[in-house]
């Protein structure tokens, strides 16, 4: 938009209420998963300080070797630890598009193998 500087992502959801994001961290209690929880918590704090968006991080124990994030119902399988900045971008990107997603939405699995590239697979 010409003449309008970028003010950051919107802080209100599609319904007009405060935008909240639910981040479930699937962990198997190893050191990598513990670090993933810490990074997700740090990203949540940064997002709240910068934009006022409430991000709730909930760690859950899983029985698989590969940790994952579920951001507002969108599953992201983690193959290598992302940076805090990458998590911020991921959380904000998925929060904007899935704030009020329909109940019959398609799951999206994004595999973060390379920090610069994310492949997405639609799963019906």
PDB file of N, CA and C in Angstrom:
ATOM      1  N   UNK A   1       0.833  -1.163   0.000  1.00  0.00           N
ATOM      2  CA  UNK A   1       0.000   0.000   0.000  1.00  0.00           C
ATOM      3  C   UNK A   1       0.885   1.235   0.000  1.00  0.00           C
ATOM      4  N   UNK A   2       0.642   2.086  -0.918  1.00  0.00           N
ATOM      5  CA  UNK A   2       1.434   3.285  -1.057  1.00  0.00           C
ATOM      6  C   UNK A   2       1.114   4.270   0.071  1.00  0.00           C
ATOM      7  N   UNK A   3       2.153   4.777   0.723  1.00  0.00           N
ATOM      8  CA  UNK A   3       1.978   5.778   1.754  1.00  0.00           C
ATOM      9  C   UNK A   3       1.636   5.241   3.132  1.00  0.00           C
ATOM     10  N   UNK A   4       1.512   3.906   3.288  1.00  0.00           N
ATOM     11  CA  UNK A   4       1.193   3.321   4.587  1.00  0.00           C
ATOM     12  C   UNK A   4       2.334   2.408   5.014  1.00  0.00           C
ATOM     13  N   UNK A   5       3.101   2.787   6.044  1.00  0.00           N
ATOM     14  CA  UNK A   5       4.199   1.928   6.484  1.00  0.00           C
ATOM     15  C   UNK A   5       3.675   0.644   7.121  1.00  0.00           C
ATOM     16  N   UNK A   6       4.454  -0.400   7.030  1.00  0.00           N
ATOM     17  CA  UNK A   6       4.090  -1.688   7.615  1.00  0.00           C
ATOM     18  C   UNK A   6       4.110  -1.574   9.130  1.00  0.00           C
ATOM     19  N   UNK A   7       3.026  -1.957   9.779  1.00  0.00           N
ATOM     20  CA  UNK A   7       2.919  -1.839  11.231  1.00  0.00           C
ATOM     21  C   UNK A   7       2.991  -3.192  11.925  1.00  0.00           C
ATOM     22  N   UNK A   8       3.392  -4.228  11.228  1.00  0.00           N
ATOM     23  CA  UNK A   8       3.462  -5.558  11.827  1.00  0.00           C
ATOM     24  C   UNK A   8       2.167  -6.319  11.581  1.00  0.00           C
ATOM     25  N   UNK A   9       2.116  -7.570  12.043  1.00  0.00           N
ATOM     26  CA  UNK A   9       0.926  -8.386  11.819  1.00  0.00           C
ATOM     27  C   UNK A   9      -0.254  -7.864  12.632  1.00  0.00           C
ATOM     28  N   UNK A  10      -1.456  -8.175  12.191  1.00  0.00           N
ATOM     29  CA  UNK A  10      -2.625  -7.739  12.949  1.00  0.00           C
ATOM     30  C   UNK A  10      -2.662  -8.423  14.304  1.00  0.00           C
ATOM     31  N   UNK A  11      -3.176  -7.724  15.316  1.00  0.00           N
ATOM     32  CA  UNK A  11      -3.262  -8.293  16.656  1.00  0.00           C
ATOM     33  C   UNK A  11      -4.684  -8.692  16.995  1.00  0.00           C
ATOM     34  N   UNK A  12      -5.593  -8.554  16.052  1.00  0.00           N
ATOM     35  CA  UNK A  12      -6.977  -8.958  16.276  1.00  0.00           C
ATOM     36  C   UNK A  12      -7.295 -10.117  15.344  1.00  0.00           C
ATOM     37  N   UNK A  13      -8.107 -11.052  15.829  1.00  0.00           N
ATOM     38  CA  UNK A  13      -8.538 -12.179  15.018  1.00  0.00           C
ATOM     39  C   UNK A  13      -9.600 -11.735  14.033  1.00  0.00           C
ATOM     40  N   UNK A  14     -10.065 -12.664  13.223  1.00  0.00           N
ATOM     41  CA  UNK A  14     -11.068 -12.351  12.208  1.00  0.00           C
ATOM     42  C   UNK A  14     -12.393 -11.943  12.844  1.00  0.00           C
ATOM     43  N   UNK A  15     -12.642 -12.377  14.067  1.00  0.00           N
ATOM     44  CA  UNK A  15     -13.888 -12.031  14.746  1.00  0.00           C
ATOM     45  C   UNK A  15     -13.802 -10.691  15.451  1.00  0.00           C
ATOM     46  N   UNK A  16     -12.629 -10.059  15.452  1.00  0.00           N
ATOM     47  CA  UNK A  16     -12.463  -8.769  16.103  1.00  0.00           C
ATOM     48  C   UNK A  16     -11.901  -8.871  17.501  1.00  0.00           C
ATOM     49  N   UNK A  17     -11.832 -10.079  18.069  1.00  0.00           N
ATOM     50  CA  UNK A  17     -11.270 -10.265  19.403  1.00  0.00           C
ATOM     51  C   UNK A  17      -9.750 -10.310  19.347  1.00  0.00           C
ATOM     52  N   UNK A  18      -9.124 -10.371  20.506  1.00  0.00           N
ATOM     53  CA  UNK A  18      -7.669 -10.466  20.561  1.00  0.00           C
ATOM     54  C   UNK A  18      -7.224 -11.763  19.911  1.00  0.00           C
ATOM     55  N   UNK A  19      -6.196 -11.681  19.098  1.00  0.00           N
ATOM     56  CA  UNK A  19      -5.673 -12.858  18.413  1.00  0.00           C
ATOM     57  C   UNK A  19      -4.916 -13.728  19.413  1.00  0.00           C
ATOM     58  N   UNK A  20      -5.311 -14.978  19.525  1.00  0.00           N
ATOM     59  CA  UNK A  20      -4.594 -15.933  20.372  1.00  0.00           C
ATOM     60  C   UNK A  20      -4.155 -17.105  19.513  1.00  0.00           C
ATOM     61  N   UNK A  21      -3.037 -17.685  19.899  1.00  0.00           N
ATOM     62  CA  UNK A  21      -2.468 -18.807  19.160  1.00  0.00           C
ATOM     63  C   UNK A  21      -2.182 -19.931  20.147  1.00  0.00           C
ATOM     64  N   UNK A  22      -2.595 -21.125  19.802  1.00  0.00           N
ATOM     65  CA  UNK A  22      -2.303 -22.299  20.617  1.00  0.00           C
ATOM     66  C   UNK A  22      -1.182 -23.089  19.953  1.00  0.00           C
ATOM     67  N   UNK A  23      -0.090 -23.283  20.683  1.00  0.00           N
ATOM     68  CA  UNK A  23       1.054 -24.036  20.173  1.00  0.00           C
ATOM     69  C   UNK A  23       1.249 -25.254  21.066  1.00  0.00           C
ATOM     70  N   UNK A  24       0.955 -26.434  20.529  1.00  0.00           N
ATOM     71  CA  UNK A  24       1.198 -27.684  21.242  1.00  0.00           C
ATOM     72  C   UNK A  24       2.541 -28.210  20.763  1.00  0.00           C
ATOM     73  N   UNK A  25       3.437 -28.493  21.709  1.00  0.00           N
ATOM     74  CA  UNK A  25       4.760 -29.019  21.376  1.00  0.00           C
ATOM     75  C   UNK A  25       4.776 -30.489  21.755  1.00  0.00           C
ATOM     76  N   UNK A  26       4.818 -31.365  20.743  1.00  0.00           N
ATOM     77  CA  UNK A  26       4.893 -32.802  20.981  1.00  0.00           C
ATOM     78  C   UNK A  26       6.332 -33.188  21.258  1.00  0.00           C
ATOM     79  N   UNK A  27       6.612 -33.650  22.477  1.00  0.00           N
ATOM     80  CA  UNK A  27       7.984 -33.977  22.868  1.00  0.00           C
ATOM     81  C   UNK A  27       8.080 -35.416  23.340  1.00  0.00           C
ATOM     82  N   UNK A  28       9.275 -35.971  23.212  1.00  0.00           N
ATOM     83  CA  UNK A  28       9.530 -37.303  23.760  1.00  0.00           C
ATOM     84  C   UNK A  28      10.531 -37.224  24.908  1.00  0.00           C
ATOM     85  N   UNK A  29      10.652 -36.050  25.505  1.00  0.00           N
ATOM     86  CA  UNK A  29      11.442 -35.803  26.719  1.00  0.00           C
ATOM     87  C   UNK A  29      12.953 -35.951  26.536  1.00  0.00           C
ATOM     88  N   UNK A  30      13.464 -35.851  25.313  1.00  0.00           N
ATOM     89  CA  UNK A  30      14.915 -35.849  25.156  1.00  0.00           C
ATOM     90  C   UNK A  30      15.417 -34.396  25.144  1.00  0.00           C
ATOM     91  N   UNK A  31      16.723 -34.211  25.031  1.00  0.00           N
ATOM     92  CA  UNK A  31      17.311 -32.867  25.118  1.00  0.00           C
ATOM     93  C   UNK A  31      16.866 -31.966  23.973  1.00  0.00           C
ATOM     94  N   UNK A  32      16.735 -32.517  22.771  1.00  0.00           N
ATOM     95  CA  UNK A  32      16.306 -31.725  21.619  1.00  0.00           C
ATOM     96  C   UNK A  32      14.888 -31.214  21.834  1.00  0.00           C
ATOM     97  N   UNK A  33      14.021 -32.071  22.338  1.00  0.00           N
ATOM     98  CA  UNK A  33      12.635 -31.674  22.581  1.00  0.00           C
ATOM     99  C   UNK A  33      12.543 -30.632  23.689  1.00  0.00           C
ATOM    100  N   UNK A  34      13.360 -30.780  24.720  1.00  0.00           N
ATOM    101  CA  UNK A  34      13.370 -29.786  25.791  1.00  0.00           C
ATOM    102  C   UNK A  34      13.785 -28.424  25.243  1.00  0.00           C
ATOM    103  N   UNK A  35      14.755 -28.422  24.345  1.00  0.00           N
ATOM    104  CA  UNK A  35      15.197 -27.172  23.713  1.00  0.00           C
ATOM    105  C   UNK A  35      14.099 -26.599  22.821  1.00  0.00           C
ATOM    106  N   UNK A  36      13.358 -27.459  22.123  1.00  0.00           N
ATOM    107  CA  UNK A  36      12.260 -27.002  21.282  1.00  0.00           C
ATOM    108  C   UNK A  36      11.179 -26.304  22.123  1.00  0.00           C
ATOM    109  N   UNK A  37      10.879 -26.862  23.288  1.00  0.00           N
ATOM    110  CA  UNK A  37       9.897 -26.236  24.181  1.00  0.00           C
ATOM    111  C   UNK A  37      10.410 -24.870  24.629  1.00  0.00           C
ATOM    112  N   UNK A  38      11.687 -24.791  24.990  1.00  0.00           N
ATOM    113  CA  UNK A  38      12.272 -23.525  25.420  1.00  0.00           C
ATOM    114  C   UNK A  38      12.221 -22.489  24.305  1.00  0.00           C
ATOM    115  N   UNK A  39      12.566 -22.894  23.080  1.00  0.00           N
ATOM    116  CA  UNK A  39      12.531 -21.978  21.936  1.00  0.00           C
ATOM    117  C   UNK A  39      11.106 -21.507  21.641  1.00  0.00           C
ATOM    118  N   UNK A  40      10.144 -22.427  21.725  1.00  0.00           N
ATOM    119  CA  UNK A  40       8.746 -22.051  21.484  1.00  0.00           C
ATOM    120  C   UNK A  40       8.271 -21.053  22.542  1.00  0.00           C
ATOM    121  N   UNK A  41       8.653 -21.266  23.784  1.00  0.00           N
ATOM    122  CA  UNK A  41       8.275 -20.352  24.861  1.00  0.00           C
ATOM    123  C   UNK A  41       8.905 -18.977  24.640  1.00  0.00           C
ATOM    124  N   UNK A  42      10.171 -18.957  24.239  1.00  0.00           N
ATOM    125  CA  UNK A  42      10.847 -17.680  23.966  1.00  0.00           C
ATOM    126  C   UNK A  42      10.193 -16.951  22.795  1.00  0.00           C
ATOM    127  N   UNK A  43       9.839 -17.684  21.749  1.00  0.00           N
ATOM    128  CA  UNK A  43       9.159 -17.070  20.601  1.00  0.00           C
ATOM    129  C   UNK A  43       7.803 -16.507  21.032  1.00  0.00           C
ATOM    130  N   UNK A  44       7.088 -17.234  21.887  1.00  0.00           N
ATOM    131  CA  UNK A  44       5.790 -16.774  22.371  1.00  0.00           C
ATOM    132  C   UNK A  44       5.936 -15.468  23.151  1.00  0.00           C
ATOM    133  N   UNK A  45       6.950 -15.387  23.986  1.00  0.00           N
ATOM    134  CA  UNK A  45       7.179 -14.165  24.755  1.00  0.00           C
ATOM    135  C   UNK A  45       7.521 -12.989  23.843  1.00  0.00           C
ATOM    136  N   UNK A  46       8.356 -13.235  22.844  1.00  0.00           N
ATOM    137  CA  UNK A  46       8.719 -12.170  21.901  1.00  0.00           C
ATOM    138  C   UNK A  46       7.506 -11.665  21.127  1.00  0.00           C
ATOM    139  N   UNK A  47       6.678 -12.596  20.674  1.00  0.00           N
ATOM    140  CA  UNK A  47       5.482 -12.220  19.913  1.00  0.00           C
ATOM    141  C   UNK A  47       4.555 -11.375  20.790  1.00  0.00           C
ATOM    142  N   UNK A  48       4.396 -11.764  22.042  1.00  0.00           N
ATOM    143  CA  UNK A  48       3.525 -10.991  22.931  1.00  0.00           C
ATOM    144  C   UNK A  48       4.097  -9.588  23.172  1.00  0.00           C
ATOM    145  N   UNK A  49       5.403  -9.497  23.409  1.00  0.00           N
ATOM    146  CA  UNK A  49       6.022  -8.186  23.649  1.00  0.00           C
ATOM    147  C   UNK A  49       5.959  -7.288  22.422  1.00  0.00           C
ATOM    148  N   UNK A  50       6.182  -7.879  21.235  1.00  0.00           N
ATOM    149  CA  UNK A  50       6.206  -7.078  20.004  1.00  0.00           C
ATOM    150  C   UNK A  50       4.813  -6.686  19.530  1.00  0.00           C
ATOM    151  N   UNK A  51       3.865  -7.629  19.557  1.00  0.00           N
ATOM    152  CA  UNK A  51       2.580  -7.431  18.889  1.00  0.00           C
ATOM    153  C   UNK A  51       1.360  -7.549  19.804  1.00  0.00           C
ATOM    154  N   UNK A  52       1.546  -7.996  21.034  1.00  0.00           N
ATOM    155  CA  UNK A  52       0.409  -8.173  21.924  1.00  0.00           C
ATOM    156  C   UNK A  52      -0.428  -9.403  21.622  1.00  0.00           C
ATOM    157  N   UNK A  53       0.077 -10.299  20.784  1.00  0.00           N
ATOM    158  CA  UNK A  53      -0.623 -11.538  20.434  1.00  0.00           C
ATOM    159  C   UNK A  53      -0.340 -12.575  21.524  1.00  0.00           C
ATOM    160  N   UNK A  54      -1.402 -13.155  22.059  1.00  0.00           N
ATOM    161  CA  UNK A  54      -1.253 -14.150  23.109  1.00  0.00           C
ATOM    162  C   UNK A  54      -0.962 -15.511  22.492  1.00  0.00           C
ATOM    163  N   UNK A  55       0.179 -16.095  22.869  1.00  0.00           N
ATOM    164  CA  UNK A  55       0.581 -17.410  22.368  1.00  0.00           C
ATOM    165  C   UNK A  55       0.689 -18.346  23.570  1.00  0.00           C
ATOM    166  N   UNK A  56      -0.084 -19.424  23.540  1.00  0.00           N
ATOM    167  CA  UNK A  56      -0.080 -20.400  24.621  1.00  0.00           C
ATOM    168  C   UNK A  56       0.705 -21.626  24.181  1.00  0.00           C
ATOM    169  N   UNK A  57       1.800 -21.933  24.893  1.00  0.00           N
ATOM    170  CA  UNK A  57       2.664 -23.068  24.574  1.00  0.00           C
ATOM    171  C   UNK A  57       2.349 -24.193  25.553  1.00  0.00           C
ATOM    172  N   UNK A  58       1.965 -25.367  25.003  1.00  0.00           N
ATOM    173  CA  UNK A  58       1.589 -26.511  25.825  1.00  0.00           C
ATOM    174  C   UNK A  58       2.425 -27.712  25.394  1.00  0.00           C
ATOM    175  N   UNK A  59       3.393 -28.133  26.227  1.00  0.00           N
ATOM    176  CA  UNK A  59       4.143 -29.345  25.892  1.00  0.00           C
ATOM    177  C   UNK A  59       3.348 -30.599  26.238  1.00  0.00           C
ATOM    178  N   UNK A  60       3.382 -31.581  25.341  1.00  0.00           N
ATOM    179  CA  UNK A  60       2.740 -32.875  25.589  1.00  0.00           C
ATOM    180  C   UNK A  60       3.739 -33.975  25.261  1.00  0.00           C
ATOM    181  N   UNK A  61       3.663 -35.065  25.992  1.00  0.00           N
ATOM    182  CA  UNK A  61       4.567 -36.196  25.765  1.00  0.00           C
ATOM    183  C   UNK A  61       4.001 -37.085  24.669  1.00  0.00           C
ATOM    184  N   UNK A  62       4.864 -37.459  23.715  1.00  0.00           N
ATOM    185  CA  UNK A  62       4.454 -38.324  22.607  1.00  0.00           C
ATOM    186  C   UNK A  62       5.318 -39.589  22.613  1.00  0.00           C
ATOM    187  N   UNK A  63       4.886 -40.587  21.875  1.00  0.00           N
ATOM    188  CA  UNK A  63       5.604 -41.860  21.829  1.00  0.00           C
ATOM    189  C   UNK A  63       6.421 -42.042  20.568  1.00  0.00           C
ATOM    190  N   UNK A  64       6.578 -40.995  19.773  1.00  0.00           N
ATOM    191  CA  UNK A  64       7.367 -41.101  18.550  1.00  0.00           C
ATOM    192  C   UNK A  64       8.690 -40.381  18.731  1.00  0.00           C
ATOM    193  N   UNK A  65       9.638 -40.668  17.837  1.00  0.00           N
ATOM    194  CA  UNK A  65      10.957 -40.044  17.931  1.00  0.00           C
ATOM    195  C   UNK A  65      10.983 -38.624  17.398  1.00  0.00           C
ATOM    196  N   UNK A  66      10.092 -38.313  16.469  1.00  0.00           N
ATOM    197  CA  UNK A  66      10.113 -37.005  15.812  1.00  0.00           C
ATOM    198  C   UNK A  66       9.186 -36.031  16.519  1.00  0.00           C
ATOM    199  N   UNK A  67       9.750 -34.934  17.058  1.00  0.00           N
ATOM    200  CA  UNK A  67       8.889 -33.936  17.700  1.00  0.00           C
ATOM    201  C   UNK A  67       8.083 -33.151  16.676  1.00  0.00           C
ATOM    202  N   UNK A  68       7.024 -32.509  17.136  1.00  0.00           N
ATOM    203  CA  UNK A  68       6.208 -31.698  16.239  1.00  0.00           C
ATOM    204  C   UNK A  68       5.656 -30.500  16.996  1.00  0.00           C
ATOM    205  N   UNK A  69       5.199 -29.524  16.231  1.00  0.00           N
ATOM    206  CA  UNK A  69       4.425 -28.405  16.744  1.00  0.00           C
ATOM    207  C   UNK A  69       3.047 -28.497  16.116  1.00  0.00           C
ATOM    208  N   UNK A  70       2.029 -28.155  16.864  1.00  0.00           N
ATOM    209  CA  UNK A  70       0.691 -28.022  16.316  1.00  0.00           C
ATOM    210  C   UNK A  70       0.272 -26.594  16.624  1.00  0.00           C
ATOM    211  N   UNK A  71       0.228 -25.762  15.588  1.00  0.00           N
ATOM    212  CA  UNK A  71      -0.060 -24.342  15.751  1.00  0.00           C
ATOM    213  C   UNK A  71      -1.481 -24.099  15.253  1.00  0.00           C
ATOM    214  N   UNK A  72      -2.383 -23.839  16.198  1.00  0.00           N
ATOM    215  CA  UNK A  72      -3.811 -23.694  15.890  1.00  0.00           C
ATOM    216  C   UNK A  72      -4.326 -24.846  15.039  1.00  0.00           C
ATOM    217  N   UNK A  73      -3.873 -26.061  15.351  1.00  0.00           N
ATOM    218  CA  UNK A  73      -4.345 -27.254  14.648  1.00  0.00           C
ATOM    219  C   UNK A  73      -3.541 -27.643  13.426  1.00  0.00           C
ATOM    220  N   UNK A  74      -2.562 -26.843  13.034  1.00  0.00           N
ATOM    221  CA  UNK A  74      -1.720 -27.168  11.887  1.00  0.00           C
ATOM    222  C   UNK A  74      -0.458 -27.849  12.407  1.00  0.00           C
ATOM    223  N   UNK A  75      -0.247 -29.098  11.992  1.00  0.00           N
ATOM    224  CA  UNK A  75       0.891 -29.868  12.482  1.00  0.00           C
ATOM    225  C   UNK A  75       2.153 -29.569  11.680  1.00  0.00           C
ATOM    226  N   UNK A  76       3.247 -29.311  12.400  1.00  0.00           N
ATOM    227  CA  UNK A  76       4.541 -29.056  11.777  1.00  0.00           C
ATOM    228  C   UNK A  76       5.530 -30.036  12.390  1.00  0.00           C
ATOM    229  N   UNK A  77       6.027 -30.972  11.583  1.00  0.00           N
ATOM    230  CA  UNK A  77       6.991 -31.960  12.056  1.00  0.00           C
ATOM    231  C   UNK A  77       8.374 -31.313  12.039  1.00  0.00           C
ATOM    232  N   UNK A  78       9.085 -31.420  13.144  1.00  0.00           N
ATOM    233  CA  UNK A  78      10.387 -30.784  13.298  1.00  0.00           C
ATOM    234  C   UNK A  78      11.493 -31.812  13.084  1.00  0.00           C
ATOM    235  N   UNK A  79      12.312 -31.577  12.070  1.00  0.00           N
ATOM    236  CA  UNK A  79      13.434 -32.484  11.799  1.00  0.00           C
ATOM    237  C   UNK A  79      14.759 -31.895  12.273  1.00  0.00           C
ATOM    238  N   UNK A  80      14.834 -30.558  12.388  1.00  0.00           N
ATOM    239  CA  UNK A  80      16.004 -29.891  12.967  1.00  0.00           C
ATOM    240  C   UNK A  80      15.497 -28.676  13.729  1.00  0.00           C
ATOM    241  N   UNK A  81      16.225 -28.306  14.771  1.00  0.00           N
ATOM    242  CA  UNK A  81      15.760 -27.209  15.613  1.00  0.00           C
ATOM    243  C   UNK A  81      15.738 -25.893  14.844  1.00  0.00           C
ATOM    244  N   UNK A  82      14.604 -25.225  14.831  1.00  0.00           N
ATOM    245  CA  UNK A  82      14.532 -23.902  14.212  1.00  0.00           C
ATOM    246  C   UNK A  82      15.074 -22.845  15.178  1.00  0.00           C
ATOM    247  N   UNK A  83      15.358 -21.669  14.658  1.00  0.00           N
ATOM    248  CA  UNK A  83      15.753 -20.557  15.511  1.00  0.00           C
ATOM    249  C   UNK A  83      14.503 -19.924  16.103  1.00  0.00           C
ATOM    250  N   UNK A  84      14.691 -19.070  17.083  1.00  0.00           N
ATOM    251  CA  UNK A  84      13.558 -18.369  17.684  1.00  0.00           C
ATOM    252  C   UNK A  84      12.879 -17.500  16.633  1.00  0.00           C
ATOM    253  N   UNK A  85      13.661 -16.855  15.780  1.00  0.00           N
ATOM    254  CA  UNK A  85      13.095 -16.002  14.727  1.00  0.00           C
ATOM    255  C   UNK A  85      12.259 -16.815  13.751  1.00  0.00           C
ATOM    256  N   UNK A  86      12.725 -18.005  13.389  1.00  0.00           N
ATOM    257  CA  UNK A  86      11.956 -18.871  12.485  1.00  0.00           C
ATOM    258  C   UNK A  86      10.649 -19.312  13.142  1.00  0.00           C
ATOM    259  N   UNK A  87      10.692 -19.616  14.430  1.00  0.00           N
ATOM    260  CA  UNK A  87       9.471 -19.985  15.135  1.00  0.00           C
ATOM    261  C   UNK A  87       8.492 -18.818  15.204  1.00  0.00           C
ATOM    262  N   UNK A  88       9.003 -17.613  15.435  1.00  0.00           N
ATOM    263  CA  UNK A  88       8.139 -16.430  15.431  1.00  0.00           C
ATOM    264  C   UNK A  88       7.413 -16.308  14.095  1.00  0.00           C
ATOM    265  N   UNK A  89       8.166 -16.389  13.007  1.00  0.00           N
ATOM    266  CA  UNK A  89       7.578 -16.277  11.671  1.00  0.00           C
ATOM    267  C   UNK A  89       6.547 -17.376  11.428  1.00  0.00           C
ATOM    268  N   UNK A  90       6.880 -18.599  11.800  1.00  0.00           N
ATOM    269  CA  UNK A  90       5.975 -19.730  11.597  1.00  0.00           C
ATOM    270  C   UNK A  90       4.686 -19.551  12.396  1.00  0.00           C
ATOM    271  N   UNK A  91       4.823 -19.199  13.659  1.00  0.00           N
ATOM    272  CA  UNK A  91       3.645 -19.024  14.515  1.00  0.00           C
ATOM    273  C   UNK A  91       2.754 -17.914  13.993  1.00  0.00           C
ATOM    274  N   UNK A  92       3.344 -16.777  13.656  1.00  0.00           N
ATOM    275  CA  UNK A  92       2.549 -15.651  13.153  1.00  0.00           C
ATOM    276  C   UNK A  92       1.904 -15.970  11.809  1.00  0.00           C
ATOM    277  N   UNK A  93       2.621 -16.652  10.940  1.00  0.00           N
ATOM    278  CA  UNK A  93       2.070 -16.996   9.626  1.00  0.00           C
ATOM    279  C   UNK A  93       0.857 -17.908   9.760  1.00  0.00           C
ATOM    280  N   UNK A  94       0.960 -18.926  10.594  1.00  0.00           N
ATOM    281  CA  UNK A  94      -0.143 -19.861  10.745  1.00  0.00           C
ATOM    282  C   UNK A  94      -1.278 -19.268  11.567  1.00  0.00           C
ATOM    283  N   UNK A  95      -0.972 -18.373  12.481  1.00  0.00           N
ATOM    284  CA  UNK A  95      -2.026 -17.736  13.278  1.00  0.00           C
ATOM    285  C   UNK A  95      -2.914 -16.872  12.408  1.00  0.00           C
ATOM    286  N   UNK A  96      -2.349 -16.203  11.438  1.00  0.00           N
ATOM    287  CA  UNK A  96      -3.120 -15.301  10.587  1.00  0.00           C
ATOM    288  C   UNK A  96      -4.068 -16.055   9.672  1.00  0.00           C
ATOM    289  N   UNK A  97      -3.664 -17.215   9.180  1.00  0.00           N
ATOM    290  CA  UNK A  97      -4.483 -17.942   8.226  1.00  0.00           C
ATOM    291  C   UNK A  97      -5.434 -18.930   8.866  1.00  0.00           C
ATOM    292  N   UNK A  98      -5.203 -19.308  10.103  1.00  0.00           N
ATOM    293  CA  UNK A  98      -6.017 -20.347  10.720  1.00  0.00           C
ATOM    294  C   UNK A  98      -6.670 -19.878  12.008  1.00  0.00           C
ATOM    295  N   UNK A  99      -6.899 -18.576  12.133  1.00  0.00           N
ATOM    296  CA  UNK A  99      -7.531 -18.039  13.342  1.00  0.00           C
ATOM    297  C   UNK A  99      -8.911 -18.639  13.566  1.00  0.00           C
ATOM    298  N   UNK A 100      -9.721 -18.712  12.531  1.00  0.00           N
ATOM    299  CA  UNK A 100     -11.052 -19.296  12.638  1.00  0.00           C
ATOM    300  C   UNK A 100     -11.274 -20.293  11.500  1.00  0.00           C
ATOM    301  N   UNK A 101     -10.387 -21.265  11.417  1.00  0.00           N
ATOM    302  CA  UNK A 101     -10.484 -22.266  10.359  1.00  0.00           C
ATOM    303  C   UNK A 101     -11.699 -23.151  10.598  1.00  0.00           C
ATOM    304  N   UNK A 102     -12.328 -23.609   9.531  1.00  0.00           N
ATOM    305  CA  UNK A 102     -13.482 -24.491   9.699  1.00  0.00           C
ATOM    306  C   UNK A 102     -13.074 -25.815  10.329  1.00  0.00           C
ATOM    307  N   UNK A 103     -14.035 -26.499  10.947  1.00  0.00           N
ATOM    308  CA  UNK A 103     -13.729 -27.751  11.637  1.00  0.00           C
ATOM    309  C   UNK A 103     -13.287 -28.853  10.682  1.00  0.00           C
ATOM    310  N   UNK A 104     -13.728 -28.809   9.434  1.00  0.00           N
ATOM    311  CA  UNK A 104     -13.372 -29.859   8.485  1.00  0.00           C
ATOM    312  C   UNK A 104     -12.151 -29.473   7.647  1.00  0.00           C
ATOM    313  N   UNK A 105     -11.269 -28.651   8.219  1.00  0.00           N
ATOM    314  CA  UNK A 105     -10.100 -28.197   7.474  1.00  0.00           C
ATOM    315  C   UNK A 105      -9.136 -29.352   7.191  1.00  0.00           C
ATOM    316  N   UNK A 106      -8.305 -29.176   6.210  1.00  0.00           N
ATOM    317  CA  UNK A 106      -7.290 -30.151   5.845  1.00  0.00           C
ATOM    318  C   UNK A 106      -6.059 -29.913   6.703  1.00  0.00           C
ATOM    319  N   UNK A 107      -5.453 -30.985   7.215  1.00  0.00           N
ATOM    320  CA  UNK A 107      -4.212 -30.842   7.974  1.00  0.00           C
ATOM    321  C   UNK A 107      -3.064 -30.524   7.032  1.00  0.00           C
ATOM    322  N   UNK A 108      -2.173 -29.682   7.480  1.00  0.00           N
ATOM    323  CA  UNK A 108      -0.979 -29.371   6.705  1.00  0.00           C
ATOM    324  C   UNK A 108       0.227 -29.836   7.509  1.00  0.00           C
ATOM    325  N   UNK A 109       1.063 -30.661   6.902  1.00  0.00           N
ATOM    326  CA  UNK A 109       2.293 -31.081   7.540  1.00  0.00           C
ATOM    327  C   UNK A 109       3.449 -30.365   6.853  1.00  0.00           C
ATOM    328  N   UNK A 110       4.190 -29.593   7.598  1.00  0.00           N
ATOM    329  CA  UNK A 110       5.340 -28.888   7.036  1.00  0.00           C
ATOM    330  C   UNK A 110       6.593 -29.475   7.670  1.00  0.00           C
ATOM    331  N   UNK A 111       7.505 -29.898   6.858  1.00  0.00           N
ATOM    332  CA  UNK A 111       8.727 -30.498   7.357  1.00  0.00           C
ATOM    333  C   UNK A 111       9.847 -29.473   7.286  1.00  0.00           C
ATOM    334  N   UNK A 112      10.407 -29.136   8.430  1.00  0.00           N
ATOM    335  CA  UNK A 112      11.490 -28.162   8.491  1.00  0.00           C
ATOM    336  C   UNK A 112      12.820 -28.906   8.483  1.00  0.00           C
ATOM    337  N   UNK A 113      13.278 -29.273   7.292  1.00  0.00           N
ATOM    338  CA  UNK A 113      14.541 -29.991   7.178  1.00  0.00           C
ATOM    339  C   UNK A 113      15.697 -29.022   7.050  1.00  0.00           C
ATOM    340  N   UNK A 114      15.500 -27.965   6.297  1.00  0.00           N
ATOM    341  CA  UNK A 114      16.513 -26.954   6.080  1.00  0.00           C
ATOM    342  C   UNK A 114      15.929 -25.636   6.569  1.00  0.00           C
ATOM    343  N   UNK A 115      16.667 -24.853   7.375  1.00  0.00           N
ATOM    344  CA  UNK A 115      16.106 -23.616   7.906  1.00  0.00           C
ATOM    345  C   UNK A 115      15.622 -22.648   6.834  1.00  0.00           C
ATOM    346  N   UNK A 116      16.128 -22.746   5.611  1.00  0.00           N
ATOM    347  CA  UNK A 116      15.740 -21.819   4.570  1.00  0.00           C
ATOM    348  C   UNK A 116      14.592 -22.341   3.711  1.00  0.00           C
ATOM    349  N   UNK A 117      14.274 -23.629   3.823  1.00  0.00           N
ATOM    350  CA  UNK A 117      13.266 -24.226   2.954  1.00  0.00           C
ATOM    351  C   UNK A 117      12.284 -25.025   3.805  1.00  0.00           C
ATOM    352  N   UNK A 118      11.003 -24.855   3.571  1.00  0.00           N
ATOM    353  CA  UNK A 118       9.989 -25.667   4.228  1.00  0.00           C
ATOM    354  C   UNK A 118       9.089 -26.250   3.154  1.00  0.00           C
ATOM    355  N   UNK A 119       8.978 -27.567   3.107  1.00  0.00           N
ATOM    356  CA  UNK A 119       8.086 -28.242   2.166  1.00  0.00           C
ATOM    357  C   UNK A 119       6.777 -28.499   2.889  1.00  0.00           C
ATOM    358  N   UNK A 120       5.679 -28.324   2.205  1.00  0.00           N
ATOM    359  CA  UNK A 120       4.372 -28.566   2.821  1.00  0.00           C
ATOM    360  C   UNK A 120       3.668 -29.689   2.093  1.00  0.00           C
ATOM    361  N   UNK A 121       2.976 -30.534   2.836  1.00  0.00           N
ATOM    362  CA  UNK A 121       2.224 -31.644   2.272  1.00  0.00           C
ATOM    363  C   UNK A 121       0.793 -31.547   2.790  1.00  0.00           C
ATOM    364  N   UNK A 122      -0.188 -31.590   1.892  1.00  0.00           N
ATOM    365  CA  UNK A 122      -1.585 -31.600   2.317  1.00  0.00           C
ATOM    366  C   UNK A 122      -1.998 -33.026   2.614  1.00  0.00           C
ATOM    367  N   UNK A 123      -2.638 -33.245   3.739  1.00  0.00           N
ATOM    368  CA  UNK A 123      -3.092 -34.564   4.132  1.00  0.00           C
ATOM    369  C   UNK A 123      -4.591 -34.514   4.302  1.00  0.00           C
ATOM    370  N   UNK A 124      -5.330 -35.374   3.575  1.00  0.00           N
ATOM    371  CA  UNK A 124      -6.798 -35.393   3.693  1.00  0.00           C
ATOM    372  C   UNK A 124      -7.222 -36.356   4.765  1.00  0.00           C
TER     373      UNK A 124
END
